[in-house]
Amino acid sequence: MKRRRFLAALGVAAIDAPIAAQQSTGIPRIGVLMGSSPSVEAEGLAAFRGALEKLGYIDGQNILIELRYAMGQPDRLESMAHKLVAMAPAVIVCVGRQETAALQAATRTIPIVFR
């Protein structure tokens, strides 16, 4: 549980600045790359959303959270990372070494928040 709270706090801190800096012409996107399934990642995602909401960021209203799950198949991470980068989110969030490596290989310009 401490890991999930740490990720939520770290992610919110790193996301706050890029979202505020984005132009007001569209709703900023946050990319989220997860190696597992929605059921496994549900608790961490709920903590993340809750931390964003405390800062006034609500998915579907003033931000869009783009979720991608590898479903426990690491070979899917590279492709998913490139697809997230193509969406040009303000920031991308992930947990795990493989997820981070895939994202770092896909972009050097979009901030990546990882643990």
PDB file of N, CA and C in Angstrom:
ATOM      1  N   MET A   1       0.819  -1.191   0.000  1.00  0.00           N
ATOM      2  CA  MET A   1       0.000   0.000   0.000  1.00  0.00           C
ATOM      3  C   MET A   1       0.867   1.261   0.000  1.00  0.00           C
ATOM      4  N   LYS A   2       2.012   1.231   0.705  1.00  0.00           N
ATOM      5  CA  LYS A   2       2.894   2.392   0.714  1.00  0.00           C
ATOM      6  C   LYS A   2       3.409   2.691  -0.684  1.00  0.00           C
ATOM      7  N   ARG A   3       3.681   1.642  -1.437  1.00  0.00           N
ATOM      8  CA  ARG A   3       4.165   1.808  -2.799  1.00  0.00           C
ATOM      9  C   ARG A   3       3.137   2.545  -3.640  1.00  0.00           C
ATOM     10  N   ARG A   4       1.885   2.178  -3.510  1.00  0.00           N
ATOM     11  CA  ARG A   4       0.825   2.802  -4.301  1.00  0.00           C
ATOM     12  C   ARG A   4       0.630   4.265  -3.900  1.00  0.00           C
ATOM     13  N   ARG A   5       0.685   4.542  -2.630  1.00  0.00           N
ATOM     14  CA  ARG A   5       0.549   5.939  -2.186  1.00  0.00           C
ATOM     15  C   ARG A   5       1.735   6.772  -2.664  1.00  0.00           C
ATOM     16  N   PHE A   6       2.932   6.178  -2.607  1.00  0.00           N
ATOM     17  CA  PHE A   6       4.115   6.881  -3.075  1.00  0.00           C
ATOM     18  C   PHE A   6       3.977   7.201  -4.558  1.00  0.00           C
ATOM     19  N   LEU A   7       3.539   6.215  -5.337  1.00  0.00           N
ATOM     20  CA  LEU A   7       3.362   6.430  -6.769  1.00  0.00           C
ATOM     21  C   LEU A   7       2.338   7.529  -7.022  1.00  0.00           C
ATOM     22  N   ALA A   8       1.252   7.491  -6.308  1.00  0.00           N
ATOM     23  CA  ALA A   8       0.214   8.507  -6.497  1.00  0.00           C
ATOM     24  C   ALA A   8       0.756   9.900  -6.193  1.00  0.00           C
ATOM     25  N   ALA A   9       1.475  10.036  -5.100  1.00  0.00           N
ATOM     26  CA  ALA A   9       2.025  11.343  -4.728  1.00  0.00           C
ATOM     27  C   ALA A   9       3.075  11.805  -5.731  1.00  0.00           C
ATOM     28  N   LEU A  10       3.953  10.904  -6.124  1.00  0.00           N
ATOM     29  CA  LEU A  10       4.994  11.240  -7.095  1.00  0.00           C
ATOM     30  C   LEU A  10       4.378  11.621  -8.431  1.00  0.00           C
ATOM     31  N   GLY A  11       3.420  10.841  -8.861  1.00  0.00           N
ATOM     32  CA  GLY A  11       2.767  11.110 -10.135  1.00  0.00           C
ATOM     33  C   GLY A  11       2.042  12.434 -10.152  1.00  0.00           C
ATOM     34  N   VAL A  12       1.340  12.729  -9.090  1.00  0.00           N
ATOM     35  CA  VAL A  12       0.600  13.985  -9.020  1.00  0.00           C
ATOM     36  C   VAL A  12       1.552  15.168  -9.040  1.00  0.00           C
ATOM     37  N   ALA A  13       2.650  15.071  -8.312  1.00  0.00           N
ATOM     38  CA  ALA A  13       3.621  16.168  -8.284  1.00  0.00           C
ATOM     39  C   ALA A  13       4.207  16.426  -9.667  1.00  0.00           C
ATOM     40  N   ALA A  14       4.526  15.378 -10.372  1.00  0.00           N
ATOM     41  CA  ALA A  14       5.134  15.534 -11.691  1.00  0.00           C
ATOM     42  C   ALA A  14       4.114  15.925 -12.752  1.00  0.00           C
ATOM     43  N   ILE A  15       2.884  15.539 -12.566  1.00  0.00           N
ATOM     44  CA  ILE A  15       1.842  15.818 -13.552  1.00  0.00           C
ATOM     45  C   ILE A  15       1.314  17.241 -13.419  1.00  0.00           C
ATOM     46  N   ASP A  16       1.298  17.772 -12.243  1.00  0.00           N
ATOM     47  CA  ASP A  16       0.700  19.070 -11.984  1.00  0.00           C
ATOM     48  C   ASP A  16       1.304  20.168 -12.863  1.00  0.00           C
ATOM     49  N   ALA A  17       2.606  20.236 -12.957  1.00  0.00           N
ATOM     50  CA  ALA A  17       3.254  21.297 -13.729  1.00  0.00           C
ATOM     51  C   ALA A  17       2.997  21.178 -15.229  1.00  0.00           C
ATOM     52  N   PRO A  18       3.209  20.018 -15.862  1.00  0.00           N
ATOM     53  CA  PRO A  18       2.963  19.953 -17.304  1.00  0.00           C
ATOM     54  C   PRO A  18       1.512  20.220 -17.690  1.00  0.00           C
ATOM     55  N   ILE A  19       0.578  19.766 -16.888  1.00  0.00           N
ATOM     56  CA  ILE A  19      -0.836  19.996 -17.214  1.00  0.00           C
ATOM     57  C   ILE A  19      -1.156  21.478 -17.142  1.00  0.00           C
ATOM     58  N   ALA A  20      -0.658  22.145 -16.115  1.00  0.00           N
ATOM     59  CA  ALA A  20      -0.910  23.573 -15.975  1.00  0.00           C
ATOM     60  C   ALA A  20      -0.279  24.353 -17.122  1.00  0.00           C
ATOM     61  N   ALA A  21       0.819  23.851 -17.656  1.00  0.00           N
ATOM     62  CA  ALA A  21       1.534  24.553 -18.709  1.00  0.00           C
ATOM     63  C   ALA A  21       0.931  24.330 -20.093  1.00  0.00           C
ATOM     64  N   GLN A  22       0.105  23.319 -20.272  1.00  0.00           N
ATOM     65  CA  GLN A  22      -0.466  23.039 -21.587  1.00  0.00           C
ATOM     66  C   GLN A  22      -1.434  24.124 -22.013  1.00  0.00           C
ATOM     67  N   GLN A  23      -1.540  24.287 -23.320  1.00  0.00           N
ATOM     68  CA  GLN A  23      -2.473  25.271 -23.845  1.00  0.00           C
ATOM     69  C   GLN A  23      -3.902  24.883 -23.510  1.00  0.00           C
ATOM     70  N   SER A  24      -4.750  25.883 -23.409  1.00  0.00           N
ATOM     71  CA  SER A  24      -6.136  25.632 -23.043  1.00  0.00           C
ATOM     72  C   SER A  24      -7.003  25.249 -24.235  1.00  0.00           C
ATOM     73  N   THR A  25      -6.390  24.939 -25.371  1.00  0.00           N
ATOM     74  CA  THR A  25      -7.168  24.588 -26.562  1.00  0.00           C
ATOM     75  C   THR A  25      -7.765  23.192 -26.493  1.00  0.00           C
ATOM     76  N   GLY A  26      -7.276  22.358 -25.620  1.00  0.00           N
ATOM     77  CA  GLY A  26      -7.795  21.000 -25.509  1.00  0.00           C
ATOM     78  C   GLY A  26      -7.611  20.477 -24.104  1.00  0.00           C
ATOM     79  N   ILE A  27      -8.224  19.346 -23.837  1.00  0.00           N
ATOM     80  CA  ILE A  27      -8.094  18.725 -22.524  1.00  0.00           C
ATOM     81  C   ILE A  27      -6.783  17.947 -22.493  1.00  0.00           C
ATOM     82  N   PRO A  28      -5.926  18.213 -21.514  1.00  0.00           N
ATOM     83  CA  PRO A  28      -4.649  17.493 -21.433  1.00  0.00           C
ATOM     84  C   PRO A  28      -4.855  16.004 -21.188  1.00  0.00           C
ATOM     85  N   ARG A  29      -3.956  15.215 -21.740  1.00  0.00           N
ATOM     86  CA  ARG A  29      -4.004  13.766 -21.579  1.00  0.00           C
ATOM     87  C   ARG A  29      -2.876  13.306 -20.663  1.00  0.00           C
ATOM     88  N   ILE A  30      -3.185  12.288 -19.881  1.00  0.00           N
ATOM     89  CA  ILE A  30      -2.192  11.598 -19.076  1.00  0.00           C
ATOM     90  C   ILE A  30      -2.183  10.161 -19.569  1.00  0.00           C
ATOM     91  N   GLY A  31      -1.050   9.718 -20.074  1.00  0.00           N
ATOM     92  CA  GLY A  31      -0.919   8.336 -20.491  1.00  0.00           C
ATOM     93  C   GLY A  31      -0.528   7.480 -19.301  1.00  0.00           C
ATOM     94  N   VAL A  32      -1.108   6.307 -19.201  1.00  0.00           N
ATOM     95  CA  VAL A  32      -0.780   5.372 -18.116  1.00  0.00           C
ATOM     96  C   VAL A  32      -0.514   4.007 -18.749  1.00  0.00           C
ATOM     97  N   LEU A  33       0.689   3.497 -18.533  1.00  0.00           N
ATOM     98  CA  LEU A  33       1.065   2.187 -19.063  1.00  0.00           C
ATOM     99  C   LEU A  33       1.244   1.228 -17.892  1.00  0.00           C
ATOM    100  N   MET A  34       0.462   0.163 -17.903  1.00  0.00           N
ATOM    101  CA  MET A  34       0.498  -0.824 -16.827  1.00  0.00           C
ATOM    102  C   MET A  34       0.786  -2.199 -17.406  1.00  0.00           C
ATOM    103  N   GLY A  35       1.630  -2.929 -16.732  1.00  0.00           N
ATOM    104  CA  GLY A  35       2.042  -4.234 -17.216  1.00  0.00           C
ATOM    105  C   GLY A  35       1.050  -5.342 -16.962  1.00  0.00           C
ATOM    106  N   SER A  36       0.151  -5.134 -16.039  1.00  0.00           N
ATOM    107  CA  SER A  36      -0.774  -6.189 -15.655  1.00  0.00           C
ATOM    108  C   SER A  36      -2.170  -5.910 -16.195  1.00  0.00           C
ATOM    109  N   SER A  37      -3.171  -6.439 -15.502  1.00  0.00           N
ATOM    110  CA  SER A  37      -4.570  -6.308 -15.925  1.00  0.00           C
ATOM    111  C   SER A  37      -5.300  -5.244 -15.102  1.00  0.00           C
ATOM    112  N   PRO A  38      -6.458  -4.797 -15.571  1.00  0.00           N
ATOM    113  CA  PRO A  38      -7.225  -3.807 -14.810  1.00  0.00           C
ATOM    114  C   PRO A  38      -7.548  -4.255 -13.386  1.00  0.00           C
ATOM    115  N   SER A  39      -7.859  -5.531 -13.188  1.00  0.00           N
ATOM    116  CA  SER A  39      -8.211  -5.989 -11.846  1.00  0.00           C
ATOM    117  C   SER A  39      -7.010  -5.943 -10.901  1.00  0.00           C
ATOM    118  N   VAL A  40      -5.837  -6.264 -11.402  1.00  0.00           N
ATOM    119  CA  VAL A  40      -4.630  -6.233 -10.571  1.00  0.00           C
ATOM    120  C   VAL A  40      -4.223  -4.796 -10.260  1.00  0.00           C
ATOM    121  N   GLU A  41      -4.397  -3.910 -11.204  1.00  0.00           N
ATOM    122  CA  GLU A  41      -3.949  -2.518 -11.065  1.00  0.00           C
ATOM    123  C   GLU A  41      -5.015  -1.585 -10.476  1.00  0.00           C
ATOM    124  N   ALA A  42      -6.192  -2.089 -10.170  1.00  0.00           N
ATOM    125  CA  ALA A  42      -7.324  -1.254  -9.752  1.00  0.00           C
ATOM    126  C   ALA A  42      -7.030  -0.404  -8.520  1.00  0.00           C
ATOM    127  N   GLU A  43      -6.419  -0.976  -7.506  1.00  0.00           N
ATOM    128  CA  GLU A  43      -6.163  -0.233  -6.264  1.00  0.00           C
ATOM    129  C   GLU A  43      -5.201   0.932  -6.502  1.00  0.00           C
ATOM    130  N   GLY A  44      -4.125   0.684  -7.223  1.00  0.00           N
ATOM    131  CA  GLY A  44      -3.158   1.742  -7.513  1.00  0.00           C
ATOM    132  C   GLY A  44      -3.760   2.833  -8.373  1.00  0.00           C
ATOM    133  N   LEU A  45      -4.552   2.442  -9.357  1.00  0.00           N
ATOM    134  CA  LEU A  45      -5.200   3.418 -10.224  1.00  0.00           C
ATOM    135  C   LEU A  45      -6.202   4.264  -9.445  1.00  0.00           C
ATOM    136  N   ALA A  46      -6.923   3.638  -8.522  1.00  0.00           N
ATOM    137  CA  ALA A  46      -7.879   4.394  -7.698  1.00  0.00           C
ATOM    138  C   ALA A  46      -7.150   5.432  -6.836  1.00  0.00           C
ATOM    139  N   ALA A  47      -6.013   5.066  -6.279  1.00  0.00           N
ATOM    140  CA  ALA A  47      -5.225   6.012  -5.472  1.00  0.00           C
ATOM    141  C   ALA A  47      -4.717   7.155  -6.343  1.00  0.00           C
ATOM    142  N   PHE A  48      -4.279   6.832  -7.533  1.00  0.00           N
ATOM    143  CA  PHE A  48      -3.785   7.836  -8.473  1.00  0.00           C
ATOM    144  C   PHE A  48      -4.889   8.825  -8.847  1.00  0.00           C
ATOM    145  N   ARG A  49      -6.044   8.292  -9.221  1.00  0.00           N
ATOM    146  CA  ARG A  49      -7.182   9.159  -9.567  1.00  0.00           C
ATOM    147  C   ARG A  49      -7.601  10.029  -8.382  1.00  0.00           C
ATOM    148  N   GLY A  50      -7.609   9.432  -7.193  1.00  0.00           N
ATOM    149  CA  GLY A  50      -7.978  10.185  -5.996  1.00  0.00           C
ATOM    150  C   GLY A  50      -7.036  11.337  -5.725  1.00  0.00           C
ATOM    151  N   ALA A  51      -5.749  11.100  -5.906  1.00  0.00           N
ATOM    152  CA  ALA A  51      -4.763  12.161  -5.694  1.00  0.00           C
ATOM    153  C   ALA A  51      -4.941  13.273  -6.725  1.00  0.00           C
ATOM    154  N   LEU A  52      -5.220  12.910  -7.963  1.00  0.00           N
ATOM    155  CA  LEU A  52      -5.473  13.925  -8.985  1.00  0.00           C
ATOM    156  C   LEU A  52      -6.722  14.740  -8.657  1.00  0.00           C
ATOM    157  N   GLU A  53      -7.771  14.058  -8.213  1.00  0.00           N
ATOM    158  CA  GLU A  53      -9.018  14.749  -7.890  1.00  0.00           C
ATOM    159  C   GLU A  53      -8.835  15.742  -6.747  1.00  0.00           C
ATOM    160  N   LYS A  54      -7.980  15.418  -5.796  1.00  0.00           N
ATOM    161  CA  LYS A  54      -7.703  16.360  -4.700  1.00  0.00           C
ATOM    162  C   LYS A  54      -7.080  17.649  -5.221  1.00  0.00           C
ATOM    163  N   LEU A  55      -6.399  17.565  -6.354  1.00  0.00           N
ATOM    164  CA  LEU A  55      -5.805  18.746  -6.981  1.00  0.00           C
ATOM    165  C   LEU A  55      -6.752  19.401  -7.985  1.00  0.00           C
ATOM    166  N   GLY A  56      -7.946  18.844  -8.121  1.00  0.00           N
ATOM    167  CA  GLY A  56      -8.927  19.426  -9.022  1.00  0.00           C
ATOM    168  C   GLY A  56      -8.932  18.851 -10.427  1.00  0.00           C
ATOM    169  N   TYR A  57      -8.181  17.786 -10.651  1.00  0.00           N
ATOM    170  CA  TYR A  57      -8.129  17.151 -11.966  1.00  0.00           C
ATOM    171  C   TYR A  57      -9.056  15.943 -11.980  1.00  0.00           C
ATOM    172  N   ILE A  58     -10.095  16.022 -12.806  1.00  0.00           N
ATOM    173  CA  ILE A  58     -11.098  14.964 -12.865  1.00  0.00           C
ATOM    174  C   ILE A  58     -11.142  14.388 -14.271  1.00  0.00           C
ATOM    175  N   ASP A  59     -10.929  13.086 -14.351  1.00  0.00           N
ATOM    176  CA  ASP A  59     -10.900  12.390 -15.630  1.00  0.00           C
ATOM    177  C   ASP A  59     -12.214  12.594 -16.375  1.00  0.00           C
ATOM    178  N   GLY A  60     -12.101  13.013 -17.616  1.00  0.00           N
ATOM    179  CA  GLY A  60     -13.280  13.233 -18.442  1.00  0.00           C
ATOM    180  C   GLY A  60     -13.816  14.646 -18.374  1.00  0.00           C
ATOM    181  N   GLN A  61     -13.355  15.419 -17.392  1.00  0.00           N
ATOM    182  CA  GLN A  61     -13.803  16.807 -17.280  1.00  0.00           C
ATOM    183  C   GLN A  61     -12.700  17.782 -17.681  1.00  0.00           C
ATOM    184  N   ASN A  62     -11.588  17.752 -16.964  1.00  0.00           N
ATOM    185  CA  ASN A  62     -10.505  18.674 -17.290  1.00  0.00           C
ATOM    186  C   ASN A  62      -9.179  17.968 -17.579  1.00  0.00           C
ATOM    187  N   ILE A  63      -9.183  16.645 -17.567  1.00  0.00           N
ATOM    188  CA  ILE A  63      -8.071  15.820 -18.041  1.00  0.00           C
ATOM    189  C   ILE A  63      -8.651  14.547 -18.658  1.00  0.00           C
ATOM    190  N   LEU A  64      -7.846  13.893 -19.447  1.00  0.00           N
ATOM    191  CA  LEU A  64      -8.216  12.578 -19.971  1.00  0.00           C
ATOM    192  C   LEU A  64      -7.108  11.610 -19.593  1.00  0.00           C
ATOM    193  N   ILE A  65      -7.469  10.525 -18.958  1.00  0.00           N
ATOM    194  CA  ILE A  65      -6.501   9.497 -18.592  1.00  0.00           C
ATOM    195  C   ILE A  65      -6.614   8.378 -19.616  1.00  0.00           C
ATOM    196  N   GLU A  66      -5.527   8.156 -20.330  1.00  0.00           N
ATOM    197  CA  GLU A  66      -5.471   7.117 -21.360  1.00  0.00           C
ATOM    198  C   GLU A  66      -4.774   5.901 -20.760  1.00  0.00           C
ATOM    199  N   LEU A  67      -5.525   4.861 -20.472  1.00  0.00           N
ATOM    200  CA  LEU A  67      -4.997   3.652 -19.837  1.00  0.00           C
ATOM    201  C   LEU A  67      -4.645   2.602 -20.873  1.00  0.00           C
ATOM    202  N   ARG A  68      -3.498   1.974 -20.665  1.00  0.00           N
ATOM    203  CA  ARG A  68      -3.085   0.855 -21.511  1.00  0.00           C
ATOM    204  C   ARG A  68      -2.554  -0.244 -20.602  1.00  0.00           C
ATOM    205  N   TYR A  69      -3.058  -1.464 -20.800  1.00  0.00           N
ATOM    206  CA  TYR A  69      -2.675  -2.617 -19.987  1.00  0.00           C
ATOM    207  C   TYR A  69      -2.011  -3.664 -20.874  1.00  0.00           C
ATOM    208  N   ALA A  70      -0.862  -4.158 -20.465  1.00  0.00           N
ATOM    209  CA  ALA A  70      -0.157  -5.204 -21.212  1.00  0.00           C
ATOM    210  C   ALA A  70      -0.681  -6.595 -20.862  1.00  0.00           C
ATOM    211  N   MET A  71      -1.521  -6.688 -19.883  1.00  0.00           N
ATOM    212  CA  MET A  71      -2.153  -7.952 -19.490  1.00  0.00           C
ATOM    213  C   MET A  71      -1.131  -9.044 -19.168  1.00  0.00           C
ATOM    214  N   GLY A  72      -0.028  -8.640 -18.539  1.00  0.00           N
ATOM    215  CA  GLY A  72       0.994  -9.604 -18.149  1.00  0.00           C
ATOM    216  C   GLY A  72       1.838 -10.115 -19.295  1.00  0.00           C
ATOM    217  N   GLN A  73       1.798  -9.427 -20.434  1.00  0.00           N
ATOM    218  CA  GLN A  73       2.560  -9.831 -21.617  1.00  0.00           C
ATOM    219  C   GLN A  73       3.594  -8.754 -21.943  1.00  0.00           C
ATOM    220  N   PRO A  74       4.803  -8.888 -21.400  1.00  0.00           N
ATOM    221  CA  PRO A  74       5.837  -7.859 -21.580  1.00  0.00           C
ATOM    222  C   PRO A  74       6.161  -7.556 -23.044  1.00  0.00           C
ATOM    223  N   ASP A  75       5.957  -8.502 -23.937  1.00  0.00           N
ATOM    224  CA  ASP A  75       6.250  -8.272 -25.350  1.00  0.00           C
ATOM    225  C   ASP A  75       5.318  -7.221 -25.963  1.00  0.00           C
ATOM    226  N   ARG A  76       4.235  -6.889 -25.300  1.00  0.00           N
ATOM    227  CA  ARG A  76       3.294  -5.873 -25.789  1.00  0.00           C
ATOM    228  C   ARG A  76       3.691  -4.454 -25.391  1.00  0.00           C
ATOM    229  N   LEU A  77       4.612  -4.322 -24.429  1.00  0.00           N
ATOM    230  CA  LEU A  77       4.930  -3.012 -23.865  1.00  0.00           C
ATOM    231  C   LEU A  77       5.499  -2.031 -24.896  1.00  0.00           C
ATOM    232  N   GLU A  78       6.392  -2.481 -25.745  1.00  0.00           N
ATOM    233  CA  GLU A  78       7.016  -1.582 -26.725  1.00  0.00           C
ATOM    234  C   GLU A  78       5.966  -0.963 -27.648  1.00  0.00           C
ATOM    235  N   SER A  79       5.107  -1.789 -28.186  1.00  0.00           N
ATOM    236  CA  SER A  79       4.055  -1.306 -29.077  1.00  0.00           C
ATOM    237  C   SER A  79       3.108  -0.351 -28.348  1.00  0.00           C
ATOM    238  N   MET A  80       2.736  -0.718 -27.141  1.00  0.00           N
ATOM    239  CA  MET A  80       1.814   0.123 -26.366  1.00  0.00           C
ATOM    240  C   MET A  80       2.459   1.454 -26.011  1.00  0.00           C
ATOM    241  N   ALA A  81       3.740   1.441 -25.702  1.00  0.00           N
ATOM    242  CA  ALA A  81       4.453   2.674 -25.380  1.00  0.00           C
ATOM    243  C   ALA A  81       4.454   3.618 -26.583  1.00  0.00           C
ATOM    244  N   HIS A  82       4.722   3.087 -27.761  1.00  0.00           N
ATOM    245  CA  HIS A  82       4.727   3.923 -28.967  1.00  0.00           C
ATOM    246  C   HIS A  82       3.337   4.485 -29.257  1.00  0.00           C
ATOM    247  N   LYS A  83       2.309   3.706 -29.019  1.00  0.00           N
ATOM    248  CA  LYS A  83       0.944   4.195 -29.244  1.00  0.00           C
ATOM    249  C   LYS A  83       0.583   5.305 -28.258  1.00  0.00           C
ATOM    250  N   LEU A  84       1.011   5.161 -27.009  1.00  0.00           N
ATOM    251  CA  LEU A  84       0.762   6.224 -26.032  1.00  0.00           C
ATOM    252  C   LEU A  84       1.501   7.502 -26.426  1.00  0.00           C
ATOM    253  N   VAL A  85       2.743   7.373 -26.822  1.00  0.00           N
ATOM    254  CA  VAL A  85       3.539   8.533 -27.233  1.00  0.00           C
ATOM    255  C   VAL A  85       2.893   9.230 -28.428  1.00  0.00           C
ATOM    256  N   ALA A  86       2.345   8.470 -29.359  1.00  0.00           N
ATOM    257  CA  ALA A  86       1.699   9.046 -30.541  1.00  0.00           C
ATOM    258  C   ALA A  86       0.494   9.907 -30.168  1.00  0.00           C
ATOM    259  N   MET A  87      -0.092   9.667 -29.005  1.00  0.00           N
ATOM    260  CA  MET A  87      -1.237  10.454 -28.549  1.00  0.00           C
ATOM    261  C   MET A  87      -0.812  11.810 -27.992  1.00  0.00           C
ATOM    262  N   ALA A  88       0.492  12.007 -27.829  1.00  0.00           N
ATOM    263  CA  ALA A  88       1.071  13.252 -27.323  1.00  0.00           C
ATOM    264  C   ALA A  88       0.488  13.676 -25.977  1.00  0.00           C
ATOM    265  N   PRO A  89       0.527  12.800 -24.969  1.00  0.00           N
ATOM    266  CA  PRO A  89       0.036  13.197 -23.653  1.00  0.00           C
ATOM    267  C   PRO A  89       0.982  14.196 -22.994  1.00  0.00           C
ATOM    268  N   ALA A  90       0.490  14.907 -22.002  1.00  0.00           N
ATOM    269  CA  ALA A  90       1.323  15.851 -21.254  1.00  0.00           C
ATOM    270  C   ALA A  90       2.387  15.112 -20.454  1.00  0.00           C
ATOM    271  N   VAL A  91       2.058  13.919 -20.001  1.00  0.00           N
ATOM    272  CA  VAL A  91       2.941  13.106 -19.180  1.00  0.00           C
ATOM    273  C   VAL A  91       2.491  11.657 -19.289  1.00  0.00           C
ATOM    274  N   ILE A  92       3.430  10.727 -19.052  1.00  0.00           N
ATOM    275  CA  ILE A  92       3.084   9.314 -19.032  1.00  0.00           C
ATOM    276  C   ILE A  92       3.520   8.739 -17.690  1.00  0.00           C
ATOM    277  N   VAL A  93       2.661   7.921 -17.108  1.00  0.00           N
ATOM    278  CA  VAL A  93       2.904   7.325 -15.792  1.00  0.00           C
ATOM    279  C   VAL A  93       2.995   5.811 -15.937  1.00  0.00           C
ATOM    280  N   CYS A  94       3.919   5.199 -15.189  1.00  0.00           N
ATOM    281  CA  CYS A  94       4.025   3.739 -15.200  1.00  0.00           C
ATOM    282  C   CYS A  94       4.667   3.255 -13.907  1.00  0.00           C
ATOM    283  N   VAL A  95       4.531   1.967 -13.662  1.00  0.00           N
ATOM    284  CA  VAL A  95       5.195   1.302 -12.545  1.00  0.00           C
ATOM    285  C   VAL A  95       5.899   0.089 -13.123  1.00  0.00           C
ATOM    286  N   GLY A  96       7.161  -0.041 -12.855  1.00  0.00           N
ATOM    287  CA  GLY A  96       7.883  -1.223 -13.297  1.00  0.00           C
ATOM    288  C   GLY A  96       9.031  -0.903 -14.228  1.00  0.00           C
ATOM    289  N   ARG A  97      10.044  -1.721 -14.154  1.00  0.00           N
ATOM    290  CA  ARG A  97      11.260  -1.531 -14.944  1.00  0.00           C
ATOM    291  C   ARG A  97      11.003  -1.726 -16.437  1.00  0.00           C
ATOM    292  N   GLN A  98      10.264  -2.755 -16.796  1.00  0.00           N
ATOM    293  CA  GLN A  98      10.013  -3.015 -18.215  1.00  0.00           C
ATOM    294  C   GLN A  98       9.149  -1.930 -18.851  1.00  0.00           C
ATOM    295  N   GLU A  99       8.153  -1.475 -18.122  1.00  0.00           N
ATOM    296  CA  GLU A  99       7.287  -0.409 -18.613  1.00  0.00           C
ATOM    297  C   GLU A  99       8.094   0.866 -18.826  1.00  0.00           C
ATOM    298  N   THR A 100       8.944   1.189 -17.849  1.00  0.00           N
ATOM    299  CA  THR A 100       9.773   2.390 -17.925  1.00  0.00           C
ATOM    300  C   THR A 100      10.720   2.310 -19.116  1.00  0.00           C
ATOM    301  N   ALA A 101      11.379   1.177 -19.298  1.00  0.00           N
ATOM    302  CA  ALA A 101      12.317   1.012 -20.413  1.00  0.00           C
ATOM    303  C   ALA A 101      11.612   1.167 -21.761  1.00  0.00           C
ATOM    304  N   ALA A 102      10.428   0.604 -21.889  1.00  0.00           N
ATOM    305  CA  ALA A 102       9.675   0.715 -23.134  1.00  0.00           C
ATOM    306  C   ALA A 102       9.321   2.170 -23.429  1.00  0.00           C
ATOM    307  N   LEU A 103       8.922   2.896 -22.406  1.00  0.00           N
ATOM    308  CA  LEU A 103       8.572   4.306 -22.591  1.00  0.00           C
ATOM    309  C   LEU A 103       9.800   5.153 -22.902  1.00  0.00           C
ATOM    310  N   GLN A 104      10.900   4.896 -22.214  1.00  0.00           N
ATOM    311  CA  GLN A 104      12.123   5.661 -22.480  1.00  0.00           C
ATOM    312  C   GLN A 104      12.634   5.417 -23.896  1.00  0.00           C
ATOM    313  N   ALA A 105      12.424   4.229 -24.424  1.00  0.00           N
ATOM    314  CA  ALA A 105      12.818   3.940 -25.796  1.00  0.00           C
ATOM    315  C   ALA A 105      11.892   4.631 -26.802  1.00  0.00           C
ATOM    316  N   ALA A 106      10.672   4.912 -26.391  1.00  0.00           N
ATOM    317  CA  ALA A 106       9.673   5.495 -27.288  1.00  0.00           C
ATOM    318  C   ALA A 106       9.711   7.019 -27.326  1.00  0.00           C
ATOM    319  N   THR A 107      10.195   7.659 -26.257  1.00  0.00           N
ATOM    320  CA  THR A 107      10.199   9.125 -26.228  1.00  0.00           C
ATOM    321  C   THR A 107      11.319   9.662 -25.349  1.00  0.00           C
ATOM    322  N   ARG A 108      11.803  10.804 -25.738  1.00  0.00           N
ATOM    323  CA  ARG A 108      12.753  11.570 -24.925  1.00  0.00           C
ATOM    324  C   ARG A 108      12.194  12.962 -24.648  1.00  0.00           C
ATOM    325  N   THR A 109      10.987  13.224 -25.112  1.00  0.00           N
ATOM    326  CA  THR A 109      10.416  14.564 -24.949  1.00  0.00           C
ATOM    327  C   THR A 109       9.238  14.611 -23.988  1.00  0.00           C
ATOM    328  N   ILE A 110       8.489  13.541 -23.853  1.00  0.00           N
ATOM    329  CA  ILE A 110       7.343  13.518 -22.946  1.00  0.00           C
ATOM    330  C   ILE A 110       7.823  13.081 -21.576  1.00  0.00           C
ATOM    331  N   PRO A 111       7.486  13.824 -20.523  1.00  0.00           N
ATOM    332  CA  PRO A 111       7.899  13.399 -19.177  1.00  0.00           C
ATOM    333  C   PRO A 111       7.312  12.039 -18.812  1.00  0.00           C
ATOM    334  N   ILE A 112       8.136  11.218 -18.183  1.00  0.00           N
ATOM    335  CA  ILE A 112       7.718   9.893 -17.725  1.00  0.00           C
ATOM    336  C   ILE A 112       7.867   9.856 -16.220  1.00  0.00           C
ATOM    337  N   VAL A 113       6.785   9.536 -15.544  1.00  0.00           N
ATOM    338  CA  VAL A 113       6.805   9.379 -14.087  1.00  0.00           C
ATOM    339  C   VAL A 113       6.748   7.892 -13.814  1.00  0.00           C
ATOM    340  N   PHE A 114       7.739   7.382 -13.114  1.00  0.00           N
ATOM    341  CA  PHE A 114       7.802   5.936 -12.891  1.00  0.00           C
ATOM    342  C   PHE A 114       8.276   5.636 -11.484  1.00  0.00           C
ATOM    343  N   ARG A 115       8.043   4.414 -11.103  1.00  0.00           N
ATOM    344  CA  ARG A 115       8.527   3.908  -9.812  1.00  0.00           C
ATOM    345  C   ARG A 115       9.006   2.519 -10.033  1.00  0.00           C
TER     346      ARG A 115
END
